[in-house]
C-alpha atoms as a PDB file:
ATOM      1  CA  UNK A   1      91.305  50.041 114.195  1.00  0.00           C
ATOM      2  CA  UNK A   2      92.066  50.044 110.483  1.00  0.00           C
ATOM      3  CA  UNK A   3      91.845  52.959 108.094  1.00  0.00           C
ATOM      4  CA  UNK A   4      93.718  54.854 105.459  1.00  0.00           C
ATOM      5  CA  UNK A   5      96.008  57.834 105.643  1.00  0.00           C
ATOM      6  CA  UNK A   6      98.027  60.093 103.404  1.00  0.00           C
ATOM      7  CA  UNK A   7      99.126  63.601 102.584  1.00  0.00           C
ATOM      8  CA  UNK A   8      97.654  66.257 100.349  1.00  0.00           C
ATOM      9  CA  UNK A   9      99.284  69.307  98.847  1.00  0.00           C
ATOM     10  CA  UNK A  10      97.789  72.690  99.765  1.00  0.00           C
ATOM     11  CA  UNK A  11      97.871  75.444  97.099  1.00  0.00           C
ATOM     12  CA  UNK A  12     100.928  77.032  98.744  1.00  0.00           C
ATOM     13  CA  UNK A  13     102.829  73.721  98.601  1.00  0.00           C
ATOM     14  CA  UNK A  14     102.420  72.699 102.261  1.00  0.00           C
ATOM     15  CA  UNK A  15     101.888  68.946 102.730  1.00  0.00           C
ATOM     16  CA  UNK A  16      99.000  68.182 105.086  1.00  0.00           C
ATOM     17  CA  UNK A  17      98.814  64.768 106.770  1.00  0.00           C
ATOM     18  CA  UNK A  18      95.413  63.109 107.294  1.00  0.00           C
ATOM     19  CA  UNK A  19      93.812  59.860 108.452  1.00  0.00           C
ATOM     20  CA  UNK A  20      90.348  58.344 107.962  1.00  0.00           C
ATOM     21  CA  UNK A  21      88.940  55.446 110.031  1.00  0.00           C
ATOM     22  CA  UNK A  22      85.554  53.730 110.127  1.00  0.00           C
ATOM     23  CA  UNK A  23      82.920  52.143 107.874  1.00  0.00           C
ATOM     24  CA  UNK A  24      83.151  53.275 104.253  1.00  0.00           C
ATOM     25  CA  UNK A  25      79.535  54.446 103.921  1.00  0.00           C
ATOM     26  CA  UNK A  26      79.166  55.981 107.378  1.00  0.00           C
ATOM     27  CA  UNK A  27      78.701  59.714 108.065  1.00  0.00           C
ATOM     28  CA  UNK A  28      81.947  61.621 108.582  1.00  0.00           C
ATOM     29  CA  UNK A  29      83.070  63.203 111.856  1.00  0.00           C
ATOM     30  CA  UNK A  30      85.981  65.607 111.313  1.00  0.00           C
ATOM     31  CA  UNK A  31      88.176  66.359 114.346  1.00  0.00           C
ATOM     32  CA  UNK A  32      90.215  69.578 114.699  1.00  0.00           C
ATOM     33  CA  UNK A  33      93.084  69.424 117.187  1.00  0.00           C
ATOM     34  CA  UNK A  34      94.383  71.575 120.015  1.00  0.00           C
ATOM     35  CA  UNK A  35      97.022  74.246 119.428  1.00  0.00           C
ATOM     36  CA  UNK A  36     100.175  72.151 119.708  1.00  0.00           C
ATOM     37  CA  UNK A  37      98.767  68.640 119.309  1.00  0.00           C
ATOM     38  CA  UNK A  38      99.099  66.098 116.529  1.00  0.00           C
ATOM     39  CA  UNK A  39      96.057  64.189 115.301  1.00  0.00           C
ATOM     40  CA  UNK A  40      97.191  61.171 117.342  1.00  0.00           C
ATOM     41  CA  UNK A  41      95.766  62.883 120.431  1.00  0.00           C
ATOM     42  CA  UNK A  42      92.383  61.765 119.062  1.00  0.00           C
ATOM     43  CA  UNK A  43      93.325  58.065 118.862  1.00  0.00           C
ATOM     44  CA  UNK A  44      91.164  56.979 121.781  1.00  0.00           C
ATOM     45  CA  UNK A  45      88.150  59.015 120.682  1.00  0.00           C
ATOM     46  CA  UNK A  46      88.533  57.842 117.086  1.00  0.00           C
ATOM     47  CA  UNK A  47      88.514  54.219 118.210  1.00  0.00           C
ATOM     48  CA  UNK A  48      85.372  54.893 120.240  1.00  0.00           C
ATOM     49  CA  UNK A  49      83.492  56.495 117.339  1.00  0.00           C
ATOM     50  CA  UNK A  50      84.711  54.407 114.402  1.00  0.00           C
ATOM     51  CA  UNK A  51      82.064  51.720 114.930  1.00  0.00           C
ATOM     52  CA  UNK A  52      79.392  54.102 113.598  1.00  0.00           C
ATOM     53  CA  UNK A  53      81.137  57.020 111.913  1.00  0.00           C
ATOM     54  CA  UNK A  54      84.035  57.656 109.583  1.00  0.00           C
ATOM     55  CA  UNK A  55      86.471  59.620 111.729  1.00  0.00           C
ATOM     56  CA  UNK A  56      88.554  62.111 109.766  1.00  0.00           C
ATOM     57  CA  UNK A  57      91.610  63.720 111.320  1.00  0.00           C
ATOM     58  CA  UNK A  58      94.469  65.807 110.047  1.00  0.00           C
ATOM     59  CA  UNK A  59      97.590  67.461 111.380  1.00  0.00           C
ATOM     60  CA  UNK A  60      97.103  71.202 111.108  1.00  0.00           C
ATOM     61  CA  UNK A  61      99.967  72.871 109.240  1.00  0.00           C
ATOM     62  CA  UNK A  62     102.929  73.222 111.586  1.00  0.00           C
ATOM     63  CA  UNK A  63     101.871  70.286 113.782  1.00  0.00           C
ATOM     64  CA  UNK A  64     102.431  66.540 113.675  1.00  0.00           C
ATOM     65  CA  UNK A  65     103.496  65.274 110.273  1.00  0.00           C
ATOM     66  CA  UNK A  66     102.297  68.320 108.298  1.00  0.00           C
ATOM     67  CA  UNK A  67     104.581  70.974 106.826  1.00  0.00           C
ATOM     68  CA  UNK A  68     104.638  74.323 108.618  1.00  0.00           C
ATOM     69  CA  UNK A  69     104.116  76.481 105.549  1.00  0.00           C
ATOM     70  CA  UNK A  70     105.144  80.123 105.542  1.00  0.00           C
ATOM     71  CA  UNK A  71     104.414  82.111 108.727  1.00  0.00           C
ATOM     72  CA  UNK A  72     102.111  84.488 106.842  1.00  0.00           C
ATOM     73  CA  UNK A  73      99.807  81.583 105.922  1.00  0.00           C
ATOM     74  CA  UNK A  74      98.891  80.953 109.540  1.00  0.00           C
ATOM     75  CA  UNK A  75      95.354  82.203 109.978  1.00  0.00           C
ATOM     76  CA  UNK A  76      92.101  80.493 110.853  1.00  0.00           C
ATOM     77  CA  UNK A  77      90.887  81.066 107.299  1.00  0.00           C
ATOM     78  CA  UNK A  78      93.872  79.072 106.024  1.00  0.00           C
ATOM     79  CA  UNK A  79      93.368  76.345 108.625  1.00  0.00           C
ATOM     80  CA  UNK A  80      89.723  76.048 107.556  1.00  0.00           C
ATOM     81  CA  UNK A  81      90.687  75.837 103.871  1.00  0.00           C
ATOM     82  CA  UNK A  82      93.236  73.125 104.660  1.00  0.00           C
ATOM     83  CA  UNK A  83      90.558  71.167 106.536  1.00  0.00           C
ATOM     84  CA  UNK A  84      88.153  71.452 103.604  1.00  0.00           C
ATOM     85  CA  UNK A  85      90.873  70.166 101.280  1.00  0.00           C
ATOM     86  CA  UNK A  86      91.095  67.136 103.570  1.00  0.00           C
ATOM     87  CA  UNK A  87      87.308  66.730 103.248  1.00  0.00           C
ATOM     88  CA  UNK A  88      87.737  66.755  99.463  1.00  0.00           C
ATOM     89  CA  UNK A  89      90.628  64.276  99.501  1.00  0.00           C
ATOM     90  CA  UNK A  90      88.518  61.811 101.461  1.00  0.00           C
ATOM     91  CA  UNK A  91      85.314  62.330  99.486  1.00  0.00           C
ATOM     92  CA  UNK A  92      83.441  64.005 102.341  1.00  0.00           C
ATOM     93  CA  UNK A  93      80.891  66.455 100.934  1.00  0.00           C
ATOM     94  CA  UNK A  94      79.837  67.375 104.478  1.00  0.00           C
ATOM     95  CA  UNK A  95      80.797  66.325 107.988  1.00  0.00           C
ATOM     96  CA  UNK A  96      80.007  66.665 111.633  1.00  0.00           C
ATOM     97  CA  UNK A  97      82.823  69.003 112.684  1.00  0.00           C
ATOM     98  CA  UNK A  98      84.326  68.813 116.174  1.00  0.00           C
ATOM     99  CA  UNK A  99      87.019  71.128 117.525  1.00  0.00           C
ATOM    100  CA  UNK A 100      88.971  71.058 120.768  1.00  0.00           C
ATOM    101  CA  UNK A 101      90.269  74.337 122.298  1.00  0.00           C
ATOM    102  CA  UNK A 102      92.299  76.025 119.499  1.00  0.00           C
ATOM    103  CA  UNK A 103      90.692  73.551 117.110  1.00  0.00           C
ATOM    104  CA  UNK A 104      87.246  74.849 118.046  1.00  0.00           C
ATOM    105  CA  UNK A 105      88.224  78.148 116.430  1.00  0.00           C
ATOM    106  CA  UNK A 106      89.050  76.241 113.247  1.00  0.00           C
ATOM    107  CA  UNK A 107      85.702  74.430 113.453  1.00  0.00           C
ATOM    108  CA  UNK A 108      83.838  77.732 113.843  1.00  0.00           C
ATOM    109  CA  UNK A 109      85.668  79.197 110.840  1.00  0.00           C
ATOM    110  CA  UNK A 110      84.669  76.158 108.748  1.00  0.00           C
ATOM    111  CA  UNK A 111      81.037  76.650 109.818  1.00  0.00           C
ATOM    112  CA  UNK A 112      81.147  80.358 108.923  1.00  0.00           C
ATOM    113  CA  UNK A 113      83.022  80.026 105.620  1.00  0.00           C
ATOM    114  CA  UNK A 114      81.461  76.788 104.317  1.00  0.00           C
ATOM    115  CA  UNK A 115      78.151  76.267 106.153  1.00  0.00           C
ATOM    116  CA  UNK A 116      76.894  73.789 103.569  1.00  0.00           C
ATOM    117  CA  UNK A 117      79.659  71.385 104.483  1.00  0.00           C
ATOM    118  CA  UNK A 118      78.870  71.271 108.217  1.00  0.00           C
ATOM    119  CA  UNK A 119      76.189  68.810 109.353  1.00  0.00           C
ATOM    120  CA  UNK A 120      76.721  69.715 112.990  1.00  0.00           C
ATOM    121  CA  UNK A 121      79.272  71.489 115.135  1.00  0.00           C
ATOM    122  CA  UNK A 122      80.811  70.370 118.442  1.00  0.00           C
ATOM    123  CA  UNK A 123      83.016  72.846 120.302  1.00  0.00           C
ATOM    124  CA  UNK A 124      84.981  71.693 123.347  1.00  0.00           C
ATOM    125  CA  UNK A 125      86.926  74.091 125.623  1.00  0.00           C
ATOM    126  CA  UNK A 126      85.926  76.927 123.314  1.00  0.00           C
ATOM    127  CA  UNK A 127      85.880  80.673 123.515  1.00  0.00           C
ATOM    128  CA  UNK A 128      85.441  83.237 120.760  1.00  0.00           C
ATOM    129  CA  UNK A 129      87.580  85.725 122.669  1.00  0.00           C
ATOM    130  CA  UNK A 130      91.275  85.936 123.513  1.00  0.00           C
ATOM    131  CA  UNK A 131      92.900  82.810 124.964  1.00  0.00           C
ATOM    132  CA  UNK A 132      93.157  82.692 128.750  1.00  0.00           C
ATOM    133  CA  UNK A 133      96.569  83.318 130.303  1.00  0.00           C
ATOM    134  CA  UNK A 134      98.668  80.190 130.611  1.00  0.00           C
ATOM    135  CA  UNK A 135      98.755  80.542 134.410  1.00  0.00           C
ATOM    136  CA  UNK A 136      94.957  80.496 134.583  1.00  0.00           C
ATOM    137  CA  UNK A 137      94.759  77.366 132.432  1.00  0.00           C
ATOM    138  CA  UNK A 138      97.370  75.598 134.560  1.00  0.00           C
ATOM    139  CA  UNK A 139      95.618  76.578 137.788  1.00  0.00           C
ATOM    140  CA  UNK A 140      92.288  75.300 136.488  1.00  0.00           C
ATOM    141  CA  UNK A 141      93.839  72.032 135.341  1.00  0.00           C
ATOM    142  CA  UNK A 142      95.508  71.546 138.724  1.00  0.00           C
ATOM    143  CA  UNK A 143      92.212  72.145 140.542  1.00  0.00           C
ATOM    144  CA  UNK A 144      90.407  69.715 138.240  1.00  0.00           C
ATOM    145  CA  UNK A 145      93.108  67.077 138.819  1.00  0.00           C
ATOM    146  CA  UNK A 146      92.658  67.375 142.590  1.00  0.00           C
ATOM    147  CA  UNK A 147      88.906  66.993 142.239  1.00  0.00           C
ATOM    148  CA  UNK A 148      89.298  63.877 140.100  1.00  0.00           C
ATOM    149  CA  UNK A 149      91.769  62.422 142.584  1.00  0.00           C
ATOM    150  CA  UNK A 150      89.330  63.027 145.439  1.00  0.00           C
ATOM    151  CA  UNK A 151      86.580  61.365 143.379  1.00  0.00           C
ATOM    152  CA  UNK A 152      88.764  58.301 142.783  1.00  0.00           C
ATOM    153  CA  UNK A 153      89.253  58.863 139.067  1.00  0.00           C
ATOM    154  CA  UNK A 154      92.584  57.510 137.854  1.00  0.00           C
ATOM    155  CA  UNK A 155      94.909  59.987 136.125  1.00  0.00           C
ATOM    156  CA  UNK A 156      95.393  59.467 132.399  1.00  0.00           C
ATOM    157  CA  UNK A 157      98.861  58.904 131.019  1.00  0.00           C
ATOM    158  CA  UNK A 158      99.913  61.478 128.434  1.00  0.00           C
ATOM    159  CA  UNK A 159     101.862  60.242 125.418  1.00  0.00           C
ATOM    160  CA  UNK A 160     104.560  62.725 124.401  1.00  0.00           C
ATOM    161  CA  UNK A 161     104.029  61.700 120.759  1.00  0.00           C
ATOM    162  CA  UNK A 162     100.653  63.445 120.886  1.00  0.00           C
ATOM    163  CA  UNK A 163     102.613  66.705 120.889  1.00  0.00           C
ATOM    164  CA  UNK A 164     105.432  65.764 118.517  1.00  0.00           C
ATOM    165  CA  UNK A 165     105.998  67.606 115.244  1.00  0.00           C
ATOM    166  CA  UNK A 166     108.152  66.463 112.339  1.00  0.00           C
ATOM    167  CA  UNK A 167     109.360  69.962 111.467  1.00  0.00           C
ATOM    168  CA  UNK A 168     110.494  72.107 114.428  1.00  0.00           C
ATOM    169  CA  UNK A 169     109.894  75.219 112.312  1.00  0.00           C
ATOM    170  CA  UNK A 170     106.203  74.793 113.119  1.00  0.00           C
ATOM    171  CA  UNK A 171     106.706  75.760 116.771  1.00  0.00           C
ATOM    172  CA  UNK A 172     104.971  79.001 117.680  1.00  0.00           C
ATOM    173  CA  UNK A 173     103.184  79.518 114.349  1.00  0.00           C
ATOM    174  CA  UNK A 174      99.721  78.901 115.789  1.00  0.00           C
ATOM    175  CA  UNK A 175     100.237  81.949 118.003  1.00  0.00           C
ATOM    176  CA  UNK A 176     100.440  84.091 114.864  1.00  0.00           C
ATOM    177  CA  UNK A 177      96.899  83.098 113.947  1.00  0.00           C
ATOM    178  CA  UNK A 178      95.652  83.995 117.415  1.00  0.00           C
ATOM    179  CA  UNK A 179      97.246  87.434 117.248  1.00  0.00           C
ATOM    180  CA  UNK A 180      95.324  88.123 114.024  1.00  0.00           C
ATOM    181  CA  UNK A 181      91.952  87.345 115.612  1.00  0.00           C
ATOM    182  CA  UNK A 182      89.445  90.068 116.655  1.00  0.00           C
ATOM    183  CA  UNK A 183      88.527  90.510 120.344  1.00  0.00           C
ATOM    184  CA  UNK A 184      85.448  88.347 119.729  1.00  0.00           C
ATOM    185  CA  UNK A 185      84.602  86.241 116.680  1.00  0.00           C
ATOM    186  CA  UNK A 186      81.801  87.909 114.759  1.00  0.00           C
ATOM    187  CA  UNK A 187      78.951  86.118 113.023  1.00  0.00           C
ATOM    188  CA  UNK A 188      78.202  83.338 115.522  1.00  0.00           C
ATOM    189  CA  UNK A 189      74.494  84.103 115.199  1.00  0.00           C
ATOM    190  CA  UNK A 190      74.710  83.082 111.524  1.00  0.00           C
ATOM    191  CA  UNK A 191      75.659  79.482 112.372  1.00  0.00           C
ATOM    192  CA  UNK A 192      72.590  77.378 111.632  1.00  0.00           C
ATOM    193  CA  UNK A 193      74.053  73.913 112.266  1.00  0.00           C
ATOM    194  CA  UNK A 194      73.054  72.033 115.425  1.00  0.00           C
ATOM    195  CA  UNK A 195      75.839  72.837 117.877  1.00  0.00           C
ATOM    196  CA  UNK A 196      77.215  71.418 121.093  1.00  0.00           C
ATOM    197  CA  UNK A 197      79.338  73.732 123.231  1.00  0.00           C
ATOM    198  CA  UNK A 198      81.026  71.891 126.120  1.00  0.00           C
ATOM    199  CA  UNK A 199      83.538  73.305 128.578  1.00  0.00           C
ATOM    200  CA  UNK A 200      85.122  72.217 131.831  1.00  0.00           C
ATOM    201  CA  UNK A 201      83.978  73.785 135.062  1.00  0.00           C
ATOM    202  CA  UNK A 202      87.644  74.478 135.889  1.00  0.00           C
ATOM    203  CA  UNK A 203      88.482  75.810 132.412  1.00  0.00           C
ATOM    204  CA  UNK A 204      88.989  79.602 132.316  1.00  0.00           C
ATOM    205  CA  UNK A 205      87.159  79.551 128.961  1.00  0.00           C
ATOM    206  CA  UNK A 206      83.906  78.646 130.749  1.00  0.00           C
ATOM    207  CA  UNK A 207      82.336  82.120 130.560  1.00  0.00           C
ATOM    208  CA  UNK A 208      83.318  82.494 126.899  1.00  0.00           C
ATOM    209  CA  UNK A 209      81.880  79.072 126.089  1.00  0.00           C
ATOM    210  CA  UNK A 210      78.584  79.952 127.737  1.00  0.00           C
ATOM    211  CA  UNK A 211      78.444  83.176 125.711  1.00  0.00           C
ATOM    212  CA  UNK A 212      79.096  81.252 122.485  1.00  0.00           C
ATOM    213  CA  UNK A 213      76.236  78.886 123.298  1.00  0.00           C
ATOM    214  CA  UNK A 214      73.924  81.861 123.777  1.00  0.00           C
ATOM    215  CA  UNK A 215      74.944  83.466 120.486  1.00  0.00           C
ATOM    216  CA  UNK A 216      74.728  80.350 118.270  1.00  0.00           C
ATOM    217  CA  UNK A 217      70.986  79.852 117.666  1.00  0.00           C
ATOM    218  CA  UNK A 218      70.894  76.032 117.621  1.00  0.00           C
ATOM    219  CA  UNK A 219      73.445  75.495 120.399  1.00  0.00           C
ATOM    220  CA  UNK A 220      73.203  73.503 123.580  1.00  0.00           C
ATOM    221  CA  UNK A 221      75.680  73.886 126.456  1.00  0.00           C
ATOM    222  CA  UNK A 222      77.260  71.244 128.667  1.00  0.00           C
ATOM    223  CA  UNK A 223      79.465  71.985 131.677  1.00  0.00           C
ATOM    224  CA  UNK A 224      82.005  69.228 132.343  1.00  0.00           C
ATOM    225  CA  UNK A 225      82.786  68.653 136.031  1.00  0.00           C
ATOM    226  CA  UNK A 226      86.333  68.045 137.255  1.00  0.00           C
ATOM    227  CA  UNK A 227      87.665  69.228 133.906  1.00  0.00           C
ATOM    228  CA  UNK A 228      90.191  71.898 133.015  1.00  0.00           C
ATOM    229  CA  UNK A 229      91.355  73.202 129.641  1.00  0.00           C
ATOM    230  CA  UNK A 230      92.171  70.324 127.313  1.00  0.00           C
ATOM    231  CA  UNK A 231      89.235  68.104 128.211  1.00  0.00           C
ATOM    232  CA  UNK A 232      90.394  65.291 125.912  1.00  0.00           C
ATOM    233  CA  UNK A 233      93.316  64.925 128.334  1.00  0.00           C
ATOM    234  CA  UNK A 234      91.369  65.397 131.574  1.00  0.00           C
ATOM    235  CA  UNK A 235      88.129  63.525 130.828  1.00  0.00           C
ATOM    236  CA  UNK A 236      88.356  61.574 127.549  1.00  0.00           C
ATOM    237  CA  UNK A 237      85.502  59.357 128.730  1.00  0.00           C
ATOM    238  CA  UNK A 238      83.210  62.334 129.220  1.00  0.00           C
ATOM    239  CA  UNK A 239      84.201  63.927 125.912  1.00  0.00           C
ATOM    240  CA  UNK A 240      83.379  60.675 124.102  1.00  0.00           C
ATOM    241  CA  UNK A 241      80.070  60.313 125.948  1.00  0.00           C
ATOM    242  CA  UNK A 242      78.922  63.872 125.205  1.00  0.00           C
ATOM    243  CA  UNK A 243      80.012  63.789 121.572  1.00  0.00           C
ATOM    244  CA  UNK A 244      78.455  60.399 120.830  1.00  0.00           C
ATOM    245  CA  UNK A 245      75.161  61.385 122.454  1.00  0.00           C
ATOM    246  CA  UNK A 246      75.107  64.660 120.497  1.00  0.00           C
ATOM    247  CA  UNK A 247      75.881  62.996 117.164  1.00  0.00           C
ATOM    248  CA  UNK A 248      73.266  60.302 117.708  1.00  0.00           C
ATOM    249  CA  UNK A 249      70.679  62.956 118.536  1.00  0.00           C
ATOM    250  CA  UNK A 250      71.547  65.041 115.455  1.00  0.00           C
ATOM    251  CA  UNK A 251      71.305  62.037 113.159  1.00  0.00           C
ATOM    252  CA  UNK A 252      68.057  60.821 114.728  1.00  0.00           C
ATOM    253  CA  UNK A 253      66.502  64.236 114.173  1.00  0.00           C
ATOM    254  CA  UNK A 254      67.799  64.365 110.597  1.00  0.00           C
ATOM    255  CA  UNK A 255      66.389  60.897 109.857  1.00  0.00           C
ATOM    256  CA  UNK A 256      63.043  61.980 111.276  1.00  0.00           C
ATOM    257  CA  UNK A 257      63.000  65.123 109.152  1.00  0.00           C
ATOM    258  CA  UNK A 258      63.744  63.125 105.983  1.00  0.00           C
ATOM    259  CA  UNK A 259      60.983  60.655 106.803  1.00  0.00           C
ATOM    260  CA  UNK A 260      58.423  63.437 107.176  1.00  0.00           C
ATOM    261  CA  UNK A 261      55.377  63.489 109.467  1.00  0.00           C
ATOM    262  CA  UNK A 262      53.565  60.199 110.179  1.00  0.00           C
ATOM    263  CA  UNK A 263      51.002  59.474 107.509  1.00  0.00           C
ATOM    264  CA  UNK A 264      52.479  62.076 105.154  1.00  0.00           C
ATOM    265  CA  UNK A 265      52.315  61.691 101.411  1.00  0.00           C
END
């Protein structure tokens, strides 16, 4: 897979790393990462999608090869602005926006703050409420792993580089953004973009994800079997399948709308 990558400078001076893969004229899919993950965690999914879409990734400030920035800059509004700067740097007027876990909160903030730049929204492992306790996430992941083992699904190797950061000062800063969040994200009913909400059946965010799908008018919900929190780690095949099918459906509907009714003037 070939592409281009670089860094941009945010208004506060933080350098944000990004990468773009795929055909030059294809629609853009922008991926927002988990809380402590670098954009390399998307490598497999990016390779799967880059035959049809331009796949845009970036390291959120404090993660991967991006600068941490000052602690007070860590909010979902800032993360969304950084992501939109990446859109601009790569010439993406609008994109299909996909978030995973913590990244789904960033994706929602992009959809709320810049709705005209979101062609569709895909939210994996999402909740609009407080994050589940770490013990609950670990228990769900352990249960999902046992179910996959019983079903004969091979465990996936985890690359430690997916969670590496260049600057250790970034550790823990994402938690500051979470502490500034309300008990439930307001305004979900204002999201007009076609939306996929997908969550593992063993993910403690399942109830929150279902509620999000009810509140977002154009949302559909998918429950992922044998999947805990961090579905890109548990079931990358299923994540790719659901996302590709959703994107193809969104683009087919958009093409049909542009064409107009049969026999139209």
